[in-house]
Amino acid sequence: MKVGILTGGGDCSGLNAAIRGVAKSLMHELNAEIIGIEQGFLGLIENNARALDFQDVSGLINKGGTILHTCNNASPFNYQGQDVSGKVLENYRALNLDVIVAIGGDGTMSLCYELSKSGMNFIGIPKTIDNDLAHTDRTFGFETAVDVVVDAIDRLKTTSESHNRVMIVETMGRYAGWIALHAGLAGAADIILIPEFPFDVKEVIAQINKRAEYCSSSIIVIAEGAKAVDGDLTVNKTVQGSPDAIRLGGVGYSLQQQLEQHIPLEVRTTVLGHIQRGGCTSAFDRIFATNVGCYASALIAQKRFGRMVTVHNNHLSSIALKEVAHKVRQVPNDDMTLISALAMGISLGVQNLKIPLASLQDDQVIIG
């Protein structure tokens, strides 16, 4: 078989481990020929690809980024204002590929599904630090990103306590608050603001003032996609040709300006940005990315194309790309991390938001 591999969307930890898992298992089990497609879908548009041998995919498991590089503003259906999906199909056929393994998030899976309608074969591997892909409990890259954010919170907490400051930590998370929620809980944040629950600035102020009665420092973790009640997303810029053209950023500074008008404490904001994407891959993500990569190879061996690898209840499976495309998985109300945060008095900026522990039943909640 002749198998292409591409990495789409933003980079994250675990991409190289997944490339390694796919390529080595296919070479070892099927004696397959592996073609690396450069810069994601841009490589398909420009026919920029190269053969990969065993040496090319060795020594990668700990490295962040992607040896194939990536591009998140090259949609074949809107590239420089034109639909070039027909050219992509021609290049796919010219490379004589049996299937392409696309490693990416919701934008990548959506493009794969749309391109598959023309006869191209895809297998999807779920990666995104946002952990927001539909129909899978986990995506690789998320765990490493959370570790980075927790480390940042730990460092900011000592400064916050030393100077009696309110420290705002802005994380990634456009439409889902998984990173902010998990890192906020692990980092002992006092307030966590996520897209799923539009926050009331007055409630945030009330929580800070309540804490000030016994502690004049507070840590607020806010996802970039969080917004106030009746407010809008904080858009930094738009990138034409991207599957999701909106680039968010700056909600932490906006919140800071509002808080400074109503509390006597000094407020500082740290936007972590792309630092959450880079660096060495955690042991968890190295193993997880390798496992989903090898499972993708199993789907290829069975010629079960048009599917994405998923994980449910710690079991690997797969689902049709059609079911994943154009969907986002947000934090549900029965997520145990959310329930734990509320149970311990961590505020989500919403007054009287409670999920009583006494109401929980066995197997009712999930670990997000």
Protein backbone atom coordinates (compact mmCIF):
# COMPACT_ATOMS: atom_id res chain seq x y z
CA MET A 1 0.00 0.00 0.00
CA LYS A 2 0.96 3.61 -0.47
CA VAL A 3 -0.09 5.80 2.45
CA GLY A 4 0.14 9.56 2.83
CA ILE A 5 0.45 11.31 6.19
CA LEU A 6 -0.31 14.96 6.88
CA THR A 7 -0.62 17.12 9.97
CA GLY A 8 -3.33 19.76 9.78
CA GLY A 9 -4.25 22.82 11.84
CA GLY A 10 -2.17 24.10 14.72
CA ASP A 11 0.85 22.21 15.98
CA CYS A 12 0.80 20.43 19.34
CA SER A 13 2.77 17.92 21.35
CA GLY A 14 2.38 14.33 20.18
CA LEU A 15 2.24 14.94 16.44
CA ASN A 16 5.68 13.42 15.81
CA ALA A 17 4.86 10.49 18.08
CA ALA A 18 1.71 9.85 16.03
CA ILE A 19 3.60 10.13 12.73
CA ARG A 20 6.14 7.66 14.09
CA GLY A 21 3.42 5.25 15.27
CA VAL A 22 1.59 5.27 11.94
CA ALA A 23 4.65 5.03 9.73
CA LYS A 24 6.61 2.42 11.66
CA SER A 25 3.64 0.12 12.19
CA LEU A 26 2.65 0.31 8.51
CA MET A 27 6.22 -0.33 7.39
CA HIS A 28 6.64 -3.22 9.81
CA GLU A 29 3.24 -4.89 9.38
CA LEU A 30 2.29 -4.13 5.76
CA ASN A 31 5.60 -3.17 4.15
CA ALA A 32 3.77 -0.01 3.11
CA GLU A 33 5.29 2.93 1.27
CA ILE A 34 4.90 6.12 3.32
CA ILE A 35 4.56 9.57 1.76
CA GLY A 36 4.86 12.64 3.99
CA ILE A 37 2.71 15.53 2.80
CA GLU A 38 4.27 18.85 3.75
CA GLN A 39 2.38 21.67 5.47
CA GLY A 40 -0.94 19.90 5.79
CA PHE A 41 -3.52 20.58 3.10
CA LEU A 42 -1.22 23.16 1.52
CA GLY A 43 1.01 20.24 0.53
CA LEU A 44 -1.94 18.61 -1.23
CA ILE A 45 -2.72 21.87 -3.00
CA GLU A 46 0.87 22.41 -4.14
CA ASN A 47 1.72 18.71 -4.58
CA ASN A 48 4.53 19.03 -2.03
CA ALA A 49 5.29 15.56 -0.69
CA ARG A 50 8.27 13.29 -0.01
CA ALA A 51 8.91 9.65 0.72
CA LEU A 52 9.61 8.75 4.34
CA ASP A 53 11.82 5.83 5.34
CA PHE A 54 12.36 4.17 8.72
CA GLN A 55 15.21 6.54 9.57
CA ASP A 56 13.05 9.60 8.87
CA VAL A 57 10.50 8.59 11.50
CA SER A 58 12.97 7.45 14.17
CA GLY A 59 13.94 9.48 17.24
CA LEU A 60 10.75 11.55 17.19
CA ILE A 61 8.67 10.45 20.15
CA ASN A 62 9.79 13.19 22.55
CA LYS A 63 9.89 16.07 20.09
CA GLY A 64 7.20 18.73 19.90
CA GLY A 65 5.96 20.21 16.64
CA THR A 66 5.77 18.17 13.44
CA ILE A 67 8.49 17.08 11.03
CA LEU A 68 5.94 17.46 8.23
CA HIS A 69 5.14 21.05 9.22
CA THR A 70 1.61 22.36 9.16
CA CYS A 71 -0.58 25.18 7.90
CA ASN A 72 -3.96 26.29 9.24
CA ASN A 73 -5.01 28.70 6.49
CA ALA A 74 -5.04 26.50 3.40
CA SER A 75 -8.55 25.16 2.98
CA PRO A 76 -8.85 23.46 -0.44
CA PHE A 77 -12.36 24.90 -0.68
CA ASN A 78 -11.24 28.49 -0.12
CA TYR A 79 -7.58 28.90 -0.97
CA GLN A 80 -6.76 32.49 -1.88
CA GLY A 81 -10.45 32.95 -2.64
CA GLN A 82 -10.76 29.91 -4.91
CA ASP A 83 -12.04 26.35 -4.65
CA VAL A 84 -9.02 24.18 -5.53
CA SER A 85 -10.44 20.89 -4.25
CA GLY A 86 -10.34 19.53 -7.81
CA LYS A 87 -6.60 20.16 -7.95
CA VAL A 88 -6.19 18.40 -4.63
CA LEU A 89 -7.95 15.33 -6.05
CA GLU A 90 -5.63 15.40 -9.08
CA ASN A 91 -2.55 15.53 -6.86
CA TYR A 92 -3.90 12.72 -4.67
CA ARG A 93 -4.31 10.54 -7.75
CA ALA A 94 -0.93 11.58 -9.14
CA LEU A 95 0.73 10.42 -5.92
CA ASN A 96 -1.12 7.09 -6.37
CA LEU A 97 -2.17 7.05 -2.72
CA ASP A 98 -4.46 4.41 -1.26
CA VAL A 99 -5.32 6.58 1.74
CA ILE A 100 -4.18 9.67 3.66
CA VAL A 101 -3.79 9.63 7.43
CA ALA A 102 -4.80 13.12 8.53
CA ILE A 103 -3.72 14.08 12.04
CA GLY A 104 -5.73 17.06 13.24
CA GLY A 105 -8.65 18.61 15.05
CA ASP A 106 -12.18 19.60 14.11
CA GLY A 107 -11.15 21.72 11.12
CA THR A 108 -8.96 18.96 9.70
CA MET A 109 -11.63 16.28 10.14
CA SER A 110 -14.24 18.50 8.51
CA LEU A 111 -11.99 19.04 5.48
CA CYS A 112 -11.28 15.31 5.25
CA TYR A 113 -14.98 14.52 5.24
CA GLU A 114 -15.73 17.07 2.52
CA LEU A 115 -12.81 15.88 0.36
CA SER A 116 -13.83 12.25 0.84
CA LYS A 117 -17.01 13.00 -1.12
CA SER A 118 -14.85 13.25 -4.25
CA GLY A 119 -13.45 9.75 -3.77
CA MET A 120 -10.37 10.40 -1.62
CA ASN A 121 -9.72 7.99 1.25
CA PHE A 122 -8.89 9.33 4.71
CA ILE A 123 -8.24 8.01 8.19
CA GLY A 124 -8.39 10.63 10.93
CA ILE A 125 -6.27 10.77 14.10
CA PRO A 126 -7.62 13.06 16.85
CA LYS A 127 -5.21 15.76 17.99
CA THR A 128 -5.90 19.16 19.47
CA ILE A 129 -4.84 20.81 22.70
CA ASP A 130 -8.44 22.05 23.03
CA ASN A 131 -9.74 18.47 23.55
CA ASP A 132 -12.91 19.53 21.73
CA LEU A 133 -13.30 16.89 19.01
CA ALA A 134 -16.71 15.26 18.94
CA HIS A 135 -17.19 11.58 19.77
CA THR A 136 -13.84 11.00 21.47
CA ASP A 137 -13.08 11.29 25.18
CA ARG A 138 -9.57 12.59 24.65
CA THR A 139 -7.27 14.08 22.01
CA PHE A 140 -3.51 13.98 22.26
CA GLY A 141 -1.76 17.28 22.90
CA PHE A 142 -4.31 18.19 25.57
CA GLU A 143 -2.49 16.57 28.47
CA THR A 144 0.82 18.27 27.66
CA ALA A 145 -0.87 21.65 27.24
CA VAL A 146 -2.59 21.30 30.62
CA ASP A 147 0.77 20.49 32.23
CA VAL A 148 2.25 23.68 30.77
CA VAL A 149 -0.64 25.81 32.01
CA VAL A 150 -0.51 24.28 35.49
CA ASP A 151 3.20 25.06 35.71
CA ALA A 152 2.46 28.67 34.74
CA ILE A 153 -0.31 28.95 37.35
CA ASP A 154 2.01 27.57 40.04
CA ARG A 155 4.60 30.22 39.19
CA LEU A 156 2.08 33.05 39.02
CA LYS A 157 0.51 32.03 42.31
CA THR A 158 3.67 32.84 44.29
CA THR A 159 3.84 36.29 42.70
CA SER A 160 0.15 36.83 43.34
CA GLU A 161 0.55 35.98 47.02
CA SER A 162 3.72 38.04 47.42
CA HIS A 163 2.18 41.20 45.96
CA ASN A 164 -1.46 40.73 46.98
CA ARG A 165 -2.50 40.77 43.36
CA VAL A 166 -5.27 39.32 41.26
CA MET A 167 -3.58 37.34 38.50
CA ILE A 168 -5.49 36.48 35.33
CA VAL A 169 -4.19 33.57 33.24
CA GLU A 170 -5.58 33.40 29.71
CA THR A 171 -5.46 29.96 28.10
CA MET A 172 -6.34 28.64 24.67
CA GLY A 173 -9.82 27.22 24.14
CA ARG A 174 -11.95 28.85 21.46
CA TYR A 175 -15.33 27.25 21.94
CA ALA A 176 -14.64 24.73 24.70
CA GLY A 177 -13.07 25.25 28.10
CA TRP A 178 -11.32 21.92 28.70
CA ILE A 179 -7.83 23.39 29.13
CA ALA A 180 -8.92 26.19 31.46
CA LEU A 181 -11.10 23.84 33.53
CA HIS A 182 -8.54 21.08 33.99
CA ALA A 183 -5.57 23.39 34.48
CA GLY A 184 -7.60 25.63 36.77
CA LEU A 185 -8.57 22.71 38.98
CA ALA A 186 -5.04 21.25 39.03
CA GLY A 187 -3.53 24.69 39.65
CA ALA A 188 -5.95 25.54 42.50
CA ALA A 189 -7.44 28.54 40.72
CA ASP A 190 -10.07 30.54 42.58
CA ILE A 191 -12.17 31.45 39.52
CA ILE A 192 -12.39 29.58 36.20
CA LEU A 193 -14.16 31.18 33.24
CA ILE A 194 -14.98 29.01 30.22
CA PRO A 195 -17.02 29.40 27.00
CA GLU A 196 -19.74 27.00 28.18
CA PHE A 197 -20.85 29.37 30.95
CA PRO A 198 -21.00 33.09 30.03
CA PHE A 199 -19.80 34.92 33.12
CA ASP A 200 -21.18 37.87 35.05
CA VAL A 201 -18.44 40.41 35.82
CA LYS A 202 -20.34 41.43 38.95
CA GLU A 203 -20.17 37.85 40.20
CA VAL A 204 -16.41 37.72 39.51
CA ILE A 205 -15.97 40.94 41.50
CA ALA A 206 -18.11 39.53 44.33
CA GLN A 207 -15.95 36.42 44.52
CA ILE A 208 -12.73 38.45 44.64
CA ASN A 209 -14.14 40.67 47.39
CA LYS A 210 -15.31 37.58 49.31
CA ARG A 211 -11.81 36.13 49.15
CA ALA A 212 -10.30 39.47 50.16
CA GLU A 213 -11.83 39.04 53.62
CA TYR A 214 -9.18 36.41 54.36
CA CYS A 215 -6.82 36.48 51.35
CA SER A 216 -6.02 39.45 49.13
CA SER A 217 -4.67 37.42 46.22
CA SER A 218 -6.70 35.51 43.63
CA ILE A 219 -5.98 33.42 40.54
CA ILE A 220 -8.42 33.63 37.64
CA VAL A 221 -8.05 31.19 34.74
CA ILE A 222 -9.97 32.26 31.66
CA ALA A 223 -10.27 30.52 28.28
CA GLU A 224 -9.76 32.74 25.24
CA GLY A 225 -13.30 31.92 24.09
CA ALA A 226 -14.98 32.89 27.36
CA LYS A 227 -17.34 35.83 27.20
CA ALA A 228 -19.48 37.86 29.53
CA VAL A 229 -23.25 37.50 29.68
CA ASP A 230 -24.65 39.40 26.68
CA GLY A 231 -21.05 39.93 25.51
CA ASP A 232 -19.14 38.90 22.41
CA LEU A 233 -16.02 36.86 21.74
CA THR A 234 -12.78 38.83 21.98
CA VAL A 235 -11.42 38.61 18.42
CA ASN A 236 -7.77 39.44 17.85
CA LYS A 237 -7.84 39.06 14.05
CA THR A 238 -9.27 37.03 11.19
CA VAL A 239 -7.31 34.82 8.80
CA GLN A 240 -8.95 34.34 5.42
CA GLY A 241 -8.78 30.83 3.95
CA SER A 242 -8.60 29.10 7.33
CA PRO A 243 -11.28 26.52 8.25
CA ASP A 244 -11.90 28.76 11.27
CA ALA A 245 -10.91 32.28 10.29
CA ILE A 246 -11.40 33.81 13.75
CA ARG A 247 -8.32 34.22 15.94
CA LEU A 248 -9.28 34.93 19.52
CA GLY A 249 -7.19 36.61 22.18
CA GLY A 250 -7.21 39.40 24.73
CA VAL A 251 -10.22 38.49 26.86
CA GLY A 252 -7.94 38.44 29.90
CA TYR A 253 -6.94 42.07 29.36
CA SER A 254 -10.56 43.03 28.80
CA LEU A 255 -11.53 41.43 32.09
CA GLN A 256 -8.60 43.13 33.82
CA GLN A 257 -9.81 46.57 32.69
CA GLN A 258 -13.28 45.88 34.05
CA LEU A 259 -12.03 44.57 37.40
CA GLU A 260 -9.66 47.48 37.98
CA GLN A 261 -12.60 49.88 38.01
CA HIS A 262 -14.28 48.07 40.91
CA ILE A 263 -11.65 46.52 43.20
CA PRO A 264 -8.74 48.13 45.10
CA LEU A 265 -6.32 45.29 44.30
CA GLU A 266 -3.76 45.36 41.52
CA VAL A 267 -4.68 43.13 38.58
CA ARG A 268 -2.22 41.59 36.14
CA THR A 269 -2.82 39.42 33.06
CA THR A 270 -0.66 36.73 31.49
CA VAL A 271 -1.61 35.36 28.06
CA LEU A 272 0.10 32.01 27.63
CA GLY A 273 -0.67 31.74 23.90
CA HIS A 274 1.47 29.40 21.83
CA ILE A 275 3.65 28.37 24.75
CA GLN A 276 0.88 25.82 25.38
CA ARG A 277 1.58 24.12 22.06
CA GLY A 278 5.35 23.68 22.10
CA GLY A 279 8.09 21.88 23.97
CA CYS A 280 8.63 18.27 24.92
CA THR A 281 5.69 15.89 24.85
CA SER A 282 4.45 14.43 28.13
CA ALA A 283 4.79 10.68 28.71
CA PHE A 284 0.99 10.34 28.59
CA ASP A 285 0.74 12.01 25.17
CA ARG A 286 3.72 10.05 23.81
CA ILE A 287 1.96 6.78 24.61
CA PHE A 288 -1.51 7.97 23.61
CA ALA A 289 -0.36 9.40 20.25
CA THR A 290 1.56 6.21 19.50
CA ASN A 291 -1.46 4.05 20.34
CA VAL A 292 -3.90 5.99 18.15
CA GLY A 293 -1.30 6.03 15.37
CA CYS A 294 -0.96 2.24 15.45
CA TYR A 295 -4.74 1.84 15.67
CA ALA A 296 -5.08 4.00 12.55
CA SER A 297 -2.75 1.54 10.83
CA ALA A 298 -5.09 -1.28 11.84
CA LEU A 299 -7.98 0.54 10.15
CA ILE A 300 -5.84 0.89 7.03
CA ALA A 301 -4.95 -2.80 7.06
CA GLN A 302 -8.68 -3.54 7.18
CA LYS A 303 -9.36 -0.88 4.50
CA ARG A 304 -11.92 0.77 6.78
CA PHE A 305 -11.49 4.21 5.27
CA GLY A 306 -13.46 7.37 6.00
CA ARG A 307 -13.15 6.99 9.76
CA MET A 308 -11.47 8.69 12.73
CA VAL A 309 -9.84 6.91 15.66
CA THR A 310 -11.71 7.52 18.92
CA VAL A 311 -11.31 6.64 22.59
CA HIS A 312 -14.27 5.85 24.85
CA ASN A 313 -14.01 4.51 28.39
CA ASN A 314 -10.31 3.81 27.80
CA HIS A 315 -11.07 1.71 24.70
CA LEU A 316 -9.94 2.60 21.18
CA SER A 317 -12.51 2.46 18.41
CA SER A 318 -13.42 4.48 15.32
CA ILE A 319 -16.29 6.54 13.96
CA ALA A 320 -17.29 7.79 10.52
CA LEU A 321 -15.80 11.18 9.64
CA LYS A 322 -19.31 12.34 8.81
CA GLU A 323 -20.22 12.09 12.49
CA VAL A 324 -17.24 14.21 13.55
CA ALA A 325 -17.25 16.90 10.86
CA HIS A 326 -18.36 20.43 11.77
CA LYS A 327 -18.95 19.58 15.43
CA VAL A 328 -17.36 20.76 18.69
CA ARG A 329 -17.37 18.88 22.01
CA GLN A 330 -17.91 21.25 24.90
CA VAL A 331 -17.68 20.61 28.64
CA PRO A 332 -21.00 18.96 29.63
CA ASN A 333 -22.78 19.48 32.93
CA ASP A 334 -22.06 15.88 33.96
CA ASP A 335 -18.29 16.29 33.68
CA MET A 336 -16.74 15.30 37.01
CA THR A 337 -13.97 17.90 36.81
CA LEU A 338 -16.60 20.61 36.47
CA ILE A 339 -18.61 19.12 39.33
CA SER A 340 -15.50 18.88 41.51
CA ALA A 341 -14.64 22.52 40.90
CA LEU A 342 -18.11 23.67 41.86
CA ALA A 343 -18.24 21.36 44.89
CA MET A 344 -15.06 22.92 46.29
CA GLY A 345 -16.31 26.46 45.85
CA ILE A 346 -14.39 27.43 42.72
CA SER A 347 -16.44 30.06 40.93
CA LEU A 348 -17.31 29.91 37.24
CA GLY A 349 -18.52 33.50 37.33
CA VAL A 350 -22.16 32.41 37.43
CA GLN A 351 -24.28 33.08 40.49
CA ASN A 352 -25.87 30.06 42.19
CA LEU A 353 -24.38 27.56 39.74
CA LYS A 354 -24.45 24.24 41.61
CA ILE A 355 -24.54 20.54 40.88
CA PRO A 356 -25.31 18.88 44.26
CA LEU A 357 -23.01 15.99 45.10
CA ALA A 358 -25.88 14.26 46.87
CA SER A 359 -27.68 13.93 43.53
CA LEU A 360 -24.89 11.98 41.80
CA GLN A 361 -25.36 8.30 41.03
CA ASP A 362 -22.89 5.55 40.10
CA ASP A 363 -21.73 5.77 36.46
CA GLN A 364 -23.58 9.05 36.03
CA VAL A 365 -20.60 11.36 35.62
CA ILE A 366 -17.74 11.30 33.14
CA ILE A 367 -14.04 12.06 33.35
CA GLY A 368 -13.53 14.57 30.55
